[in-house]
């Protein structure tokens, strides 16, 4: 469908589900890599970037290991700031996640929550601390695409204003 619509950037949830089963994480990583490798030819033919988004991983290392096994420049990480907080026990800060991903994070879903549900509110409203996040963002060699992923217009406008005040979003 993406090729028919001439879409060149796709984001997919990794759908990692934590488990205490023996070797679960290793097996999951292997199966993910096998699955995504079959899309390398079409990604090359259609100049398509595929971004794998964190869901319930406790740290960026899980997605990074999948990307390392895929080992292709058309596959990168999508860092969802809200998922890393509400769906994890670790509650790592957004800057810790972004620092972990480094240049592999080429797409960001920017939003926040209060740590219990995926609220999709302005990144300025939730319990997450974004103080150092934008410093890490500025330090990256390539600028990731940022999508303000909120549910309400007022949260979108608040996020836009905050990004403008930080100098990340330029207005004409």
Protein backbone atom coordinates (compact mmCIF):
# COMPACT_ATOMS: atom_id res chain seq x y z
CA UNK A 1 0.00 0.00 0.00
CA UNK A 2 2.78 2.45 0.90
CA UNK A 3 4.47 1.96 -2.46
CA UNK A 4 1.16 2.51 -4.29
CA UNK A 5 0.66 5.77 -2.38
CA UNK A 6 4.29 6.79 -3.00
CA UNK A 7 4.99 6.97 0.74
CA UNK A 8 8.68 7.10 1.65
CA UNK A 9 8.59 7.07 5.46
CA UNK A 10 6.79 4.47 7.54
CA UNK A 11 6.58 4.06 11.31
CA UNK A 12 5.74 0.70 12.87
CA UNK A 13 5.24 -0.21 16.53
CA UNK A 14 7.72 -2.84 17.62
CA UNK A 15 5.04 -4.39 19.87
CA UNK A 16 7.55 -5.72 22.36
CA UNK A 17 5.77 -7.34 25.29
CA UNK A 18 8.00 -7.87 28.34
CA UNK A 19 8.26 -11.45 29.51
CA UNK A 20 10.20 -13.45 32.07
CA UNK A 21 10.35 -16.45 29.74
CA UNK A 22 13.86 -17.79 29.24
CA UNK A 23 15.74 -16.04 26.39
CA UNK A 24 12.56 -14.20 25.40
CA UNK A 25 14.27 -10.91 24.56
CA UNK A 26 16.96 -12.59 22.44
CA UNK A 27 14.39 -14.67 20.55
CA UNK A 28 12.17 -11.62 20.03
CA UNK A 29 15.09 -9.59 18.66
CA UNK A 30 16.05 -12.39 16.24
CA UNK A 31 12.48 -12.77 14.99
CA UNK A 32 12.10 -8.99 14.55
CA UNK A 33 15.31 -8.78 12.55
CA UNK A 34 14.27 -11.71 10.34
CA UNK A 35 10.90 -10.11 9.72
CA UNK A 36 12.25 -6.65 8.83
CA UNK A 37 15.08 -7.90 6.62
CA UNK A 38 12.54 -9.10 4.06
CA UNK A 39 11.63 -5.43 3.45
CA UNK A 40 15.17 -4.34 2.59
CA UNK A 41 14.73 -4.82 -1.20
CA UNK A 42 11.55 -2.73 -1.40
CA UNK A 43 13.02 -0.08 0.88
CA UNK A 44 15.95 0.23 -1.52
CA UNK A 45 13.85 0.16 -4.69
CA UNK A 46 11.37 2.74 -3.43
CA UNK A 47 13.81 4.86 -1.38
CA UNK A 48 11.75 4.11 1.72
CA UNK A 49 12.75 4.68 5.34
CA UNK A 50 11.26 2.35 7.94
CA UNK A 51 11.18 3.49 11.56
CA UNK A 52 10.67 0.98 14.37
CA UNK A 53 8.90 2.58 17.33
CA UNK A 54 9.39 1.69 20.96
CA UNK A 55 6.31 0.38 22.74
CA UNK A 56 7.02 -1.40 26.04
CA UNK A 57 10.80 -1.75 25.99
CA UNK A 58 12.49 -0.70 29.23
CA UNK A 59 15.40 0.94 27.41
CA UNK A 60 16.52 1.82 23.88
CA UNK A 61 18.89 -1.17 23.72
CA UNK A 62 16.17 -3.56 22.58
CA UNK A 63 15.33 -1.61 19.42
CA UNK A 64 19.01 -0.81 18.87
CA UNK A 65 19.83 -4.52 18.84
CA UNK A 66 17.10 -5.15 16.27
CA UNK A 67 18.48 -2.34 14.09
CA UNK A 68 22.02 -3.67 14.45
CA UNK A 69 20.90 -7.11 13.24
CA UNK A 70 18.98 -5.59 10.31
CA UNK A 71 22.10 -3.56 9.55
CA UNK A 72 20.63 -1.34 6.84
CA UNK A 73 20.60 2.48 6.57
CA UNK A 74 16.90 2.56 5.60
CA UNK A 75 15.91 1.22 9.03
CA UNK A 76 16.03 3.58 12.01
CA UNK A 77 14.32 4.10 15.35
CA UNK A 78 11.21 6.10 16.10
CA UNK A 79 11.41 7.27 19.69
CA UNK A 80 7.97 7.72 21.27
CA UNK A 81 8.49 9.88 24.35
CA UNK A 82 5.16 8.92 25.91
CA UNK A 83 5.54 5.15 25.50
CA UNK A 84 8.92 5.22 27.22
CA UNK A 85 7.24 6.58 30.34
CA UNK A 86 3.76 5.12 30.71
CA UNK A 87 4.50 1.59 29.50
CA UNK A 88 7.74 0.96 31.41
CA UNK A 89 8.91 0.32 34.93
CA UNK A 90 12.27 2.01 34.37
CA UNK A 91 10.79 5.50 33.79
CA UNK A 92 14.00 6.56 32.05
CA UNK A 93 13.97 10.24 31.12
CA UNK A 94 13.53 11.29 27.48
CA UNK A 95 17.13 12.55 27.38
CA UNK A 96 18.39 9.14 28.55
CA UNK A 97 16.41 7.44 25.78
CA UNK A 98 17.58 9.87 23.10
CA UNK A 99 21.18 9.64 24.30
CA UNK A 100 20.84 5.85 24.07
CA UNK A 101 19.49 5.96 20.54
CA UNK A 102 21.85 8.70 19.30
CA UNK A 103 21.91 8.78 15.48
CA UNK A 104 19.52 5.84 15.21
CA UNK A 105 16.62 8.04 16.38
CA UNK A 106 15.53 9.69 13.18
CA UNK A 107 11.84 10.08 14.01
CA UNK A 108 10.32 11.29 17.29
CA UNK A 109 6.74 11.17 18.51
CA UNK A 110 6.73 14.05 20.99
CA UNK A 111 4.12 13.98 23.75
CA UNK A 112 3.82 13.25 27.45
CA UNK A 113 1.69 11.63 30.12
CA UNK A 114 1.53 11.15 33.89
CA UNK A 115 3.05 7.67 33.86
CA UNK A 116 -0.07 5.52 33.85
CA UNK A 117 -1.78 5.77 30.46
CA UNK A 118 -0.75 6.92 27.00
CA UNK A 119 -2.51 10.29 27.33
CA UNK A 120 -0.92 12.04 24.33
CA UNK A 121 -0.80 15.45 25.99
CA UNK A 122 1.60 18.33 25.35
CA UNK A 123 5.18 17.48 26.31
CA UNK A 124 5.03 20.46 28.69
CA UNK A 125 2.13 19.01 30.73
CA UNK A 126 3.02 15.50 31.90
CA UNK A 127 5.36 14.20 34.60
CA UNK A 128 8.26 13.68 32.21
CA UNK A 129 11.30 15.93 32.46
CA UNK A 130 12.38 17.25 29.06
CA UNK A 131 15.00 19.69 30.45
CA UNK A 132 18.02 17.88 28.95
CA UNK A 133 16.18 16.27 26.04
CA UNK A 134 16.54 19.21 23.69
CA UNK A 135 20.26 19.56 24.48
CA UNK A 136 20.73 15.96 23.32
CA UNK A 137 18.56 16.69 20.28
CA UNK A 138 20.77 19.66 19.34
CA UNK A 139 23.90 17.52 19.71
CA UNK A 140 22.81 14.94 17.14
CA UNK A 141 24.57 15.07 13.78
CA UNK A 142 21.29 14.65 11.86
CA UNK A 143 18.03 16.20 12.98
CA UNK A 144 15.25 13.68 13.50
CA UNK A 145 11.76 14.35 12.22
CA UNK A 146 9.55 15.44 15.12
CA UNK A 147 5.83 14.77 15.16
CA UNK A 148 3.75 16.40 17.88
CA UNK A 149 1.57 13.41 18.72
CA UNK A 150 -1.24 14.80 20.86
CA UNK A 151 -5.01 14.36 20.95
CA UNK A 152 -6.24 17.91 21.54
CA UNK A 153 -5.76 21.10 19.57
CA UNK A 154 -4.76 23.05 22.71
CA UNK A 155 -1.99 20.53 23.43
CA UNK A 156 -0.76 20.84 19.87
CA UNK A 157 -0.70 24.64 20.09
CA UNK A 158 1.05 24.54 23.47
CA UNK A 159 3.67 22.16 22.08
CA UNK A 160 4.21 24.35 19.00
CA UNK A 161 4.67 27.44 21.17
CA UNK A 162 7.11 25.63 23.46
CA UNK A 163 9.14 24.37 20.48
CA UNK A 164 9.19 27.91 19.05
CA UNK A 165 10.39 29.30 22.38
CA UNK A 166 13.15 26.68 22.45
CA UNK A 167 14.22 27.65 18.92
CA UNK A 168 13.47 24.18 17.56
CA UNK A 169 10.51 25.21 15.46
CA UNK A 170 11.11 28.25 13.30
CA UNK A 171 8.27 30.41 12.09
CA UNK A 172 8.25 32.40 8.88
